[in-house]
Amino acid sequence: MRTLFILLILTATATAAPFLVSDAYVFNSDPNMNPVEFVIHGLGATDITINATTLSNGSLVLEYDLQTLPNGQYSVSAAAVNIFGGESTFSTPPFAFTKGVPMPPGNLRISQTMLVWVPTSGRKPITRRHPSPLRPPSAPSFS
């Protein structure tokens, strides 16, 4: 059982995020209407062709892992390709996005407590201060 759990975790972490995705195509009995591949334009010097992903309910989607994509600004469009090689027009308008990294943390300092954000239902978030769970106090402090 433990081995199965570890395999499930490894499988879940084998795919990374984020993904470029499309709305689902509901499976159609006419093969002309079902995409089997997608052509993605705008992620590199050449177009990228990928297989359609089949969801558990049978619908088909474009799903492309952007993990290895270099940081930068992109304007992406895609076309669907059916089983006979027929290609749709490219999506319009192009989807624009920026892949980057967050800015570095600022105002680093030592704190005796850890700030924790506690979500509340419908009310403003509350910030609570409590001793850090990483290093519990060894004895009460009266300072």
N, C-alpha and C. Protein backbone atom coordinates (compact mmCIF):
# COMPACT_ATOMS: atom_id res chain seq x y z
N MET A 1 0.83 -1.19 0.00
CA MET A 1 0.00 0.00 0.00
C MET A 1 0.87 1.25 0.00
N ARG A 2 1.95 1.22 0.78
CA ARG A 2 2.85 2.37 0.84
C ARG A 2 3.49 2.63 -0.51
N THR A 3 3.88 1.56 -1.21
CA THR A 3 4.48 1.69 -2.54
C THR A 3 3.49 2.33 -3.51
N LEU A 4 2.23 1.93 -3.45
CA LEU A 4 1.21 2.50 -4.31
C LEU A 4 1.06 4.00 -4.03
N PHE A 5 1.05 4.38 -2.77
CA PHE A 5 0.94 5.79 -2.40
C PHE A 5 2.11 6.59 -2.96
N ILE A 6 3.31 6.07 -2.84
CA ILE A 6 4.50 6.76 -3.35
C ILE A 6 4.43 6.88 -4.86
N LEU A 7 3.98 5.82 -5.55
CA LEU A 7 3.85 5.88 -7.00
C LEU A 7 2.82 6.93 -7.42
N LEU A 8 1.72 7.03 -6.67
CA LEU A 8 0.71 8.04 -6.98
C LEU A 8 1.28 9.44 -6.82
N ILE A 9 2.06 9.67 -5.79
CA ILE A 9 2.66 10.99 -5.58
C ILE A 9 3.64 11.29 -6.70
N LEU A 10 4.48 10.33 -7.07
CA LEU A 10 5.43 10.55 -8.15
C LEU A 10 4.73 10.82 -9.47
N THR A 11 3.63 10.12 -9.73
CA THR A 11 2.87 10.34 -10.96
C THR A 11 2.25 11.72 -10.96
N ALA A 12 1.73 12.14 -9.83
CA ALA A 12 1.09 13.45 -9.74
C ALA A 12 2.10 14.57 -9.92
N THR A 13 3.34 14.37 -9.48
CA THR A 13 4.33 15.43 -9.59
C THR A 13 5.13 15.34 -10.89
N ALA A 14 4.90 14.32 -11.70
CA ALA A 14 5.65 14.17 -12.95
C ALA A 14 5.25 15.25 -13.96
N THR A 15 4.03 15.72 -13.90
CA THR A 15 3.61 16.79 -14.78
C THR A 15 3.72 18.10 -14.02
N ALA A 16 4.09 19.13 -14.72
CA ALA A 16 4.29 20.42 -14.07
C ALA A 16 3.25 21.41 -14.54
N ALA A 17 3.24 22.53 -13.92
CA ALA A 17 2.33 23.60 -14.31
C ALA A 17 3.19 24.81 -14.67
N PRO A 18 2.73 25.74 -15.37
CA PRO A 18 1.37 25.93 -15.89
C PRO A 18 1.20 25.26 -17.26
N PHE A 19 -0.06 25.19 -17.68
CA PHE A 19 -0.40 24.60 -18.96
C PHE A 19 -1.14 25.61 -19.82
N LEU A 20 -0.93 25.53 -21.12
CA LEU A 20 -1.75 26.25 -22.09
C LEU A 20 -2.89 25.30 -22.41
N VAL A 21 -4.15 25.72 -22.20
CA VAL A 21 -5.29 24.84 -22.40
C VAL A 21 -6.35 25.54 -23.24
N SER A 22 -7.26 24.74 -23.79
CA SER A 22 -8.38 25.27 -24.57
C SER A 22 -9.69 24.81 -23.94
N ASP A 23 -10.77 25.37 -24.43
CA ASP A 23 -12.09 24.85 -24.06
C ASP A 23 -12.20 23.44 -24.63
N ALA A 24 -13.04 22.64 -24.00
CA ALA A 24 -13.20 21.24 -24.42
C ALA A 24 -14.05 21.13 -25.69
N TYR A 25 -13.67 20.19 -26.54
CA TYR A 25 -14.47 19.81 -27.70
C TYR A 25 -15.26 18.58 -27.27
N VAL A 26 -16.57 18.63 -27.31
CA VAL A 26 -17.39 17.46 -26.99
C VAL A 26 -17.23 16.48 -28.14
N PHE A 27 -16.99 15.21 -27.79
CA PHE A 27 -16.75 14.19 -28.81
C PHE A 27 -17.96 14.12 -29.76
N ASN A 28 -17.68 14.10 -31.06
CA ASN A 28 -18.71 14.07 -32.08
C ASN A 28 -18.59 12.78 -32.88
N SER A 29 -19.69 12.21 -33.31
CA SER A 29 -19.65 10.96 -34.09
C SER A 29 -19.05 11.19 -35.48
N ASP A 30 -19.06 12.42 -35.97
CA ASP A 30 -18.45 12.76 -37.26
C ASP A 30 -16.96 13.03 -37.04
N PRO A 31 -16.06 12.19 -37.56
CA PRO A 31 -14.62 12.35 -37.32
C PRO A 31 -14.07 13.69 -37.82
N ASN A 32 -14.76 14.34 -38.78
CA ASN A 32 -14.30 15.64 -39.25
C ASN A 32 -14.35 16.70 -38.14
N MET A 33 -15.19 16.49 -37.16
CA MET A 33 -15.43 17.48 -36.13
C MET A 33 -14.56 17.31 -34.89
N ASN A 34 -13.83 16.22 -34.80
CA ASN A 34 -13.01 15.94 -33.62
C ASN A 34 -11.54 16.26 -33.90
N PRO A 35 -10.93 17.11 -33.07
CA PRO A 35 -9.50 17.35 -33.26
C PRO A 35 -8.68 16.17 -32.73
N VAL A 36 -7.64 15.80 -33.46
CA VAL A 36 -6.71 14.78 -32.99
C VAL A 36 -5.36 15.41 -32.67
N GLU A 37 -5.12 16.60 -33.23
CA GLU A 37 -3.89 17.35 -32.97
C GLU A 37 -4.21 18.83 -32.90
N PHE A 38 -3.29 19.57 -32.32
CA PHE A 38 -3.36 21.02 -32.31
C PHE A 38 -2.03 21.58 -32.78
N VAL A 39 -2.08 22.67 -33.51
CA VAL A 39 -0.88 23.38 -33.95
C VAL A 39 -0.84 24.68 -33.15
N ILE A 40 0.26 24.88 -32.40
CA ILE A 40 0.40 26.07 -31.56
C ILE A 40 1.42 26.99 -32.22
N HIS A 41 1.02 28.23 -32.41
CA HIS A 41 1.87 29.23 -33.05
C HIS A 41 2.18 30.33 -32.03
N GLY A 42 3.45 30.74 -31.95
CA GLY A 42 3.83 31.86 -31.11
C GLY A 42 4.66 31.51 -29.89
N LEU A 43 5.00 30.24 -29.70
CA LEU A 43 5.83 29.86 -28.55
C LEU A 43 7.31 29.71 -28.91
N GLY A 44 7.62 29.75 -30.18
CA GLY A 44 9.00 29.59 -30.62
C GLY A 44 9.13 29.99 -32.06
N ALA A 45 10.29 29.70 -32.64
CA ALA A 45 10.54 30.06 -34.04
C ALA A 45 9.68 29.26 -35.00
N THR A 46 9.32 28.03 -34.61
CA THR A 46 8.48 27.19 -35.47
C THR A 46 7.21 26.80 -34.72
N ASP A 47 6.19 26.42 -35.46
CA ASP A 47 4.95 25.97 -34.85
C ASP A 47 5.17 24.64 -34.14
N ILE A 48 4.38 24.40 -33.11
CA ILE A 48 4.46 23.16 -32.33
C ILE A 48 3.18 22.38 -32.58
N THR A 49 3.31 21.09 -32.93
CA THR A 49 2.16 20.22 -33.12
C THR A 49 2.11 19.22 -31.98
N ILE A 50 0.94 19.15 -31.31
CA ILE A 50 0.76 18.23 -30.19
C ILE A 50 -0.52 17.42 -30.40
N ASN A 51 -0.58 16.27 -29.76
CA ASN A 51 -1.80 15.45 -29.79
C ASN A 51 -2.85 16.06 -28.88
N ALA A 52 -4.11 15.87 -29.23
CA ALA A 52 -5.21 16.31 -28.37
C ALA A 52 -5.22 15.44 -27.12
N THR A 53 -5.60 16.03 -26.00
CA THR A 53 -5.73 15.30 -24.74
C THR A 53 -7.19 14.91 -24.56
N THR A 54 -7.43 13.64 -24.26
CA THR A 54 -8.79 13.16 -24.02
C THR A 54 -9.06 13.17 -22.52
N LEU A 55 -10.10 13.88 -22.12
CA LEU A 55 -10.49 13.95 -20.71
C LEU A 55 -11.29 12.70 -20.33
N SER A 56 -11.49 12.51 -19.05
CA SER A 56 -12.19 11.32 -18.57
C SER A 56 -13.64 11.23 -19.09
N ASN A 57 -14.24 12.37 -19.43
CA ASN A 57 -15.62 12.35 -19.95
C ASN A 57 -15.66 12.19 -21.47
N GLY A 58 -14.51 12.00 -22.12
CA GLY A 58 -14.45 11.78 -23.56
C GLY A 58 -14.24 13.03 -24.38
N SER A 59 -14.33 14.21 -23.77
CA SER A 59 -14.11 15.43 -24.54
C SER A 59 -12.61 15.63 -24.77
N LEU A 60 -12.30 16.45 -25.76
CA LEU A 60 -10.92 16.64 -26.20
C LEU A 60 -10.49 18.08 -25.95
N VAL A 61 -9.24 18.27 -25.52
CA VAL A 61 -8.73 19.61 -25.25
C VAL A 61 -7.29 19.76 -25.73
N LEU A 62 -6.89 20.99 -25.92
CA LEU A 62 -5.49 21.33 -26.11
C LEU A 62 -4.91 21.49 -24.72
N GLU A 63 -3.80 20.81 -24.45
CA GLU A 63 -3.12 20.91 -23.15
C GLU A 63 -1.63 20.83 -23.42
N TYR A 64 -0.92 21.94 -23.18
CA TYR A 64 0.52 21.99 -23.46
C TYR A 64 1.25 22.50 -22.23
N ASP A 65 2.24 21.75 -21.76
CA ASP A 65 3.01 22.11 -20.57
C ASP A 65 4.00 23.23 -20.91
N LEU A 66 3.90 24.34 -20.19
CA LEU A 66 4.75 25.51 -20.43
C LEU A 66 5.97 25.56 -19.51
N GLN A 67 6.24 24.51 -18.75
CA GLN A 67 7.32 24.53 -17.77
C GLN A 67 8.67 24.88 -18.38
N THR A 68 8.99 24.32 -19.54
CA THR A 68 10.32 24.53 -20.12
C THR A 68 10.40 25.78 -20.99
N LEU A 69 9.29 26.48 -21.12
CA LEU A 69 9.26 27.70 -21.93
C LEU A 69 10.10 28.78 -21.26
N PRO A 70 11.01 29.45 -21.99
CA PRO A 70 11.82 30.50 -21.37
C PRO A 70 10.95 31.69 -20.96
N ASN A 71 11.40 32.44 -19.96
CA ASN A 71 10.68 33.63 -19.54
C ASN A 71 10.62 34.62 -20.69
N GLY A 72 9.50 35.32 -20.81
CA GLY A 72 9.32 36.31 -21.86
C GLY A 72 7.86 36.58 -22.11
N GLN A 73 7.60 37.42 -23.11
CA GLN A 73 6.23 37.75 -23.49
C GLN A 73 5.86 36.94 -24.74
N TYR A 74 4.63 36.43 -24.75
CA TYR A 74 4.19 35.57 -25.83
C TYR A 74 2.81 35.99 -26.31
N SER A 75 2.56 35.77 -27.59
CA SER A 75 1.25 35.97 -28.21
C SER A 75 0.96 34.69 -28.98
N VAL A 76 0.03 33.89 -28.46
CA VAL A 76 -0.16 32.53 -28.94
C VAL A 76 -1.51 32.36 -29.61
N SER A 77 -1.53 31.60 -30.68
CA SER A 77 -2.77 31.18 -31.31
C SER A 77 -2.63 29.69 -31.64
N ALA A 78 -3.77 29.04 -31.87
CA ALA A 78 -3.73 27.60 -32.13
C ALA A 78 -4.79 27.22 -33.15
N ALA A 79 -4.54 26.11 -33.82
CA ALA A 79 -5.48 25.56 -34.79
C ALA A 79 -5.70 24.09 -34.44
N ALA A 80 -6.91 23.60 -34.71
CA ALA A 80 -7.24 22.19 -34.49
C ALA A 80 -7.10 21.43 -35.80
N VAL A 81 -6.62 20.19 -35.71
CA VAL A 81 -6.43 19.34 -36.89
C VAL A 81 -7.25 18.07 -36.69
N ASN A 82 -8.06 17.69 -37.70
CA ASN A 82 -8.87 16.48 -37.58
C ASN A 82 -8.11 15.25 -38.08
N ILE A 83 -8.76 14.11 -38.03
CA ILE A 83 -8.13 12.83 -38.37
C ILE A 83 -7.68 12.77 -39.83
N PHE A 84 -8.31 13.56 -40.69
CA PHE A 84 -7.96 13.57 -42.11
C PHE A 84 -6.92 14.62 -42.46
N GLY A 85 -6.41 15.35 -41.46
CA GLY A 85 -5.41 16.39 -41.70
C GLY A 85 -6.00 17.76 -41.98
N GLY A 86 -7.32 17.88 -41.95
CA GLY A 86 -7.96 19.18 -42.14
C GLY A 86 -7.69 20.07 -40.95
N GLU A 87 -7.26 21.31 -41.23
CA GLU A 87 -6.86 22.23 -40.17
C GLU A 87 -7.83 23.41 -40.10
N SER A 88 -8.25 23.76 -38.90
CA SER A 88 -9.11 24.92 -38.70
C SER A 88 -8.29 26.19 -38.88
N THR A 89 -8.95 27.32 -38.90
CA THR A 89 -8.21 28.59 -38.88
C THR A 89 -7.60 28.75 -37.49
N PHE A 90 -6.60 29.61 -37.38
CA PHE A 90 -5.98 29.85 -36.09
C PHE A 90 -6.89 30.71 -35.23
N SER A 91 -6.86 30.47 -33.93
CA SER A 91 -7.71 31.19 -32.99
C SER A 91 -7.41 32.69 -33.03
N THR A 92 -8.46 33.49 -32.91
CA THR A 92 -8.30 34.94 -32.87
C THR A 92 -9.16 35.50 -31.75
N PRO A 93 -8.77 36.54 -31.08
CA PRO A 93 -7.44 37.15 -31.17
C PRO A 93 -6.41 36.25 -30.49
N PRO A 94 -5.13 36.46 -30.77
CA PRO A 94 -4.09 35.66 -30.10
C PRO A 94 -4.15 35.86 -28.58
N PHE A 95 -3.81 34.83 -27.85
CA PHE A 95 -3.76 34.88 -26.39
C PHE A 95 -2.39 35.40 -25.98
N ALA A 96 -2.36 36.55 -25.31
CA ALA A 96 -1.10 37.16 -24.88
C ALA A 96 -0.85 36.87 -23.41
N PHE A 97 0.37 36.49 -23.07
CA PHE A 97 0.73 36.27 -21.67
C PHE A 97 2.22 36.48 -21.49
N THR A 98 2.63 36.67 -20.24
CA THR A 98 4.03 36.82 -19.89
C THR A 98 4.41 35.70 -18.95
N LYS A 99 5.49 34.99 -19.26
CA LYS A 99 6.01 33.98 -18.35
C LYS A 99 7.23 34.59 -17.69
N GLY A 100 7.22 34.60 -16.38
CA GLY A 100 8.34 35.18 -15.65
C GLY A 100 8.45 34.58 -14.27
N VAL A 101 9.19 35.26 -13.45
CA VAL A 101 9.37 34.85 -12.07
C VAL A 101 8.98 36.00 -11.16
N PRO A 102 8.57 35.71 -9.94
CA PRO A 102 8.22 36.81 -9.03
C PRO A 102 9.47 37.59 -8.64
N MET A 103 9.25 38.83 -8.19
CA MET A 103 10.39 39.61 -7.72
C MET A 103 10.92 39.01 -6.43
N PRO A 104 12.19 39.26 -6.09
CA PRO A 104 12.75 38.66 -4.88
C PRO A 104 12.07 39.21 -3.63
N PRO A 105 12.07 38.44 -2.54
CA PRO A 105 11.46 38.92 -1.32
C PRO A 105 12.19 40.16 -0.80
N GLY A 106 11.44 41.05 -0.19
CA GLY A 106 12.04 42.27 0.35
C GLY A 106 11.89 42.35 1.84
N ASN A 107 12.65 43.26 2.45
CA ASN A 107 12.57 43.54 3.88
C ASN A 107 12.75 42.28 4.72
N LEU A 108 13.81 41.50 4.44
CA LEU A 108 14.09 40.31 5.23
C LEU A 108 14.50 40.71 6.63
N ARG A 109 14.07 39.92 7.63
CA ARG A 109 14.37 40.23 9.02
C ARG A 109 14.13 38.99 9.87
N ILE A 110 14.52 39.04 11.14
CA ILE A 110 14.27 37.99 12.11
C ILE A 110 12.99 38.34 12.86
N SER A 111 12.13 37.36 13.06
CA SER A 111 10.90 37.58 13.82
C SER A 111 10.73 36.47 14.84
N GLN A 112 10.24 36.79 16.03
CA GLN A 112 10.00 35.79 17.07
C GLN A 112 8.71 35.03 16.83
N THR A 113 7.85 35.54 15.97
CA THR A 113 6.57 34.89 15.68
C THR A 113 6.41 34.74 14.18
N MET A 114 5.46 33.93 13.79
CA MET A 114 5.19 33.71 12.38
C MET A 114 3.82 34.28 12.05
N LEU A 115 3.74 35.05 10.96
CA LEU A 115 2.45 35.59 10.53
C LEU A 115 1.71 34.53 9.75
N VAL A 116 0.43 34.37 10.02
CA VAL A 116 -0.38 33.37 9.35
C VAL A 116 -1.65 34.03 8.87
N TRP A 117 -2.00 33.80 7.60
CA TRP A 117 -3.24 34.33 7.06
C TRP A 117 -4.30 33.26 7.25
N VAL A 118 -5.41 33.65 7.85
CA VAL A 118 -6.51 32.72 8.11
C VAL A 118 -7.70 33.15 7.28
N PRO A 119 -8.11 32.36 6.27
CA PRO A 119 -9.26 32.76 5.46
C PRO A 119 -10.54 32.67 6.27
N THR A 120 -11.42 33.60 6.04
CA THR A 120 -12.72 33.59 6.70
C THR A 120 -13.79 33.62 5.63
N SER A 121 -14.96 33.14 5.94
CA SER A 121 -16.02 33.09 4.94
C SER A 121 -16.73 34.44 4.84
N GLY A 122 -16.49 35.17 3.77
CA GLY A 122 -17.20 36.41 3.50
C GLY A 122 -16.70 37.62 4.25
N ARG A 123 -15.80 37.46 5.20
CA ARG A 123 -15.29 38.59 5.96
C ARG A 123 -13.87 38.90 5.52
N LYS A 124 -13.37 40.03 5.96
CA LYS A 124 -12.01 40.41 5.65
C LYS A 124 -11.04 39.41 6.26
N PRO A 125 -9.91 39.08 5.57
CA PRO A 125 -8.94 38.15 6.14
C PRO A 125 -8.33 38.72 7.42
N ILE A 126 -8.01 37.83 8.35
CA ILE A 126 -7.42 38.22 9.62
C ILE A 126 -6.00 37.68 9.65
N THR A 127 -5.07 38.52 10.07
CA THR A 127 -3.69 38.08 10.26
C THR A 127 -3.50 37.83 11.75
N ARG A 128 -3.10 36.62 12.10
CA ARG A 128 -2.90 36.27 13.51
C ARG A 128 -1.43 36.01 13.76
N ARG A 129 -1.00 36.38 14.93
CA ARG A 129 0.39 36.14 15.32
C ARG A 129 0.41 35.03 16.36
N HIS A 130 1.26 34.06 16.17
CA HIS A 130 1.40 32.98 17.14
C HIS A 130 2.82 32.44 17.05
N PRO A 131 3.26 31.71 18.06
CA PRO A 131 4.62 31.16 18.00
C PRO A 131 4.79 30.27 16.78
N SER A 132 5.97 30.28 16.24
CA SER A 132 6.28 29.50 15.05
C SER A 132 6.18 28.01 15.33
N PRO A 133 5.49 27.24 14.46
CA PRO A 133 5.44 25.79 14.65
C PRO A 133 6.76 25.13 14.27
N LEU A 134 7.65 25.89 13.64
CA LEU A 134 8.93 25.32 13.24
C LEU A 134 9.86 25.16 14.43
N ARG A 135 9.72 26.03 15.43
CA ARG A 135 10.57 25.95 16.61
C ARG A 135 9.72 26.30 17.83
N PRO A 136 9.07 25.30 18.42
CA PRO A 136 8.23 25.60 19.56
C PRO A 136 9.07 26.09 20.74
N PRO A 137 8.49 26.99 21.57
CA PRO A 137 9.27 27.49 22.72
C PRO A 137 9.60 26.37 23.68
N SER A 138 10.83 26.41 24.21
CA SER A 138 11.27 25.37 25.14
C SER A 138 10.81 25.68 26.55
N ALA A 139 10.62 26.95 26.86
CA ALA A 139 10.16 27.35 28.20
C ALA A 139 9.43 28.68 28.06
N PRO A 140 8.52 28.99 28.97
CA PRO A 140 7.83 30.28 28.88
C PRO A 140 8.80 31.44 28.98
N SER A 141 8.54 32.48 28.21
CA SER A 141 9.40 33.66 28.23
C SER A 141 8.65 34.78 28.93
N PHE A 142 9.30 35.45 29.89
CA PHE A 142 8.68 36.55 30.64
C PHE A 142 9.33 37.88 30.30
N SER A 143 9.95 37.98 29.16
CA SER A 143 10.63 39.23 28.81
C SER A 143 9.69 40.22 28.18
